[in-house]
């Protein structure tokens, strides 16, 4: 019997390049990062956060959810928290430079 193709299986088969996933550690980290980038309200929450954990708390207090719209849990053991902490720092720095220029 042939295995059914799903969007997730196609993503993993076609977009995963070695040990990185589109510049991120893995699909879960990439999904959260992309999701932050693509929604202005969520991006604003990230900019107001000092870390990924702080972002998760703010997000939960705002939307009462603990996952992306794609079903990726913020607490998935595969999520690279250090990478997302760095992303939040970069967003904050970018926002700072945009406000002073």
Protein backbone atom coordinates (compact mmCIF):
# COMPACT_ATOMS: atom_id res chain seq x y z
CA UNK A 1 0.00 0.00 0.00
CA UNK A 2 1.38 3.42 -0.96
CA UNK A 3 2.02 6.00 1.76
CA UNK A 4 -0.28 9.04 1.56
CA UNK A 5 1.40 12.34 0.83
CA UNK A 6 0.64 15.16 3.24
CA UNK A 7 1.76 18.77 3.24
CA UNK A 8 4.10 18.04 6.17
CA UNK A 9 5.70 15.06 4.42
CA UNK A 10 6.23 17.15 1.27
CA UNK A 11 7.79 19.96 3.31
CA UNK A 12 10.16 17.56 5.06
CA UNK A 13 11.07 15.84 1.79
CA UNK A 14 11.56 18.95 -0.32
CA UNK A 15 12.72 21.72 1.98
CA UNK A 16 14.97 20.01 4.51
CA UNK A 17 18.60 20.56 3.57
CA UNK A 18 20.80 18.46 5.84
CA UNK A 19 20.81 19.46 9.46
CA UNK A 20 19.24 22.87 8.77
CA UNK A 21 15.70 23.72 7.72
CA UNK A 22 15.49 26.88 5.63
CA UNK A 23 18.20 28.48 7.80
CA UNK A 24 16.76 27.21 11.09
CA UNK A 25 17.74 24.25 13.22
CA UNK A 26 14.62 22.27 12.28
CA UNK A 27 11.05 22.50 11.02
CA UNK A 28 9.58 23.36 14.44
CA UNK A 29 11.95 26.28 15.02
CA UNK A 30 11.52 27.47 11.42
CA UNK A 31 7.73 27.31 11.71
CA UNK A 32 7.65 29.44 14.86
CA UNK A 33 10.15 31.93 13.42
CA UNK A 34 8.23 32.26 10.14
CA UNK A 35 4.97 32.58 12.00
CA UNK A 36 6.38 35.46 14.09
CA UNK A 37 7.63 37.20 10.94
CA UNK A 38 4.35 36.90 9.03
CA UNK A 39 1.87 38.35 11.51
CA UNK A 40 2.20 41.99 12.56
CA UNK A 41 0.46 41.53 15.94
CA UNK A 42 2.59 38.52 16.82
CA UNK A 43 5.74 40.28 15.63
CA UNK A 44 4.87 43.25 17.86
CA UNK A 45 4.52 40.89 20.82
CA UNK A 46 7.94 39.43 20.03
CA UNK A 47 9.48 42.92 19.85
CA UNK A 48 8.04 43.72 23.28
CA UNK A 49 9.52 40.51 24.72
CA UNK A 50 12.96 40.03 26.23
CA UNK A 51 13.20 36.32 25.41
CA UNK A 52 11.31 33.52 23.72
CA UNK A 53 9.89 32.42 27.09
CA UNK A 54 8.68 35.97 27.74
CA UNK A 55 7.12 35.98 24.26
CA UNK A 56 5.30 32.69 25.00
CA UNK A 57 3.88 34.16 28.22
CA UNK A 58 2.73 37.33 26.45
CA UNK A 59 1.27 35.29 23.60
CA UNK A 60 -0.66 33.03 25.97
CA UNK A 61 -2.00 36.01 27.94
CA UNK A 62 -3.19 37.60 24.67
CA UNK A 63 -4.46 34.64 22.62
CA UNK A 64 -4.84 31.80 25.17
CA UNK A 65 -2.87 29.45 22.91
CA UNK A 66 0.46 27.65 23.31
CA UNK A 67 1.13 26.79 19.67
CA UNK A 68 1.29 28.24 16.18
CA UNK A 69 -1.70 28.06 13.85
CA UNK A 70 0.10 25.08 12.25
CA UNK A 71 -0.09 23.17 15.53
CA UNK A 72 3.59 23.49 16.51
CA UNK A 73 3.78 23.66 20.30
CA UNK A 74 6.03 26.31 21.81
CA UNK A 75 7.16 23.58 24.22
CA UNK A 76 8.02 20.97 21.60
CA UNK A 77 11.32 19.40 22.66
CA UNK A 78 12.74 20.05 19.17
CA UNK A 79 12.28 23.84 19.32
CA UNK A 80 15.64 25.59 19.51
CA UNK A 81 14.96 28.18 22.22
CA UNK A 82 18.42 29.76 21.87
CA UNK A 83 17.78 30.42 18.19
CA UNK A 84 14.39 32.00 18.94
CA UNK A 85 15.91 34.09 21.76
CA UNK A 86 18.40 35.39 19.20
CA UNK A 87 15.58 36.12 16.73
CA UNK A 88 13.74 38.17 19.35
CA UNK A 89 16.92 40.11 20.14
CA UNK A 90 17.36 40.84 16.41
CA UNK A 91 13.74 42.00 16.08
CA UNK A 92 14.16 44.31 19.07
CA UNK A 93 17.38 45.75 17.66
CA UNK A 94 15.82 46.25 14.22
CA UNK A 95 12.84 47.99 15.80
CA UNK A 96 15.15 50.23 17.84
CA UNK A 97 17.15 51.28 14.77
CA UNK A 98 13.94 51.96 12.84
CA UNK A 99 12.69 54.27 15.59
CA UNK A 100 15.86 56.37 15.82
CA UNK A 101 16.40 56.75 12.07
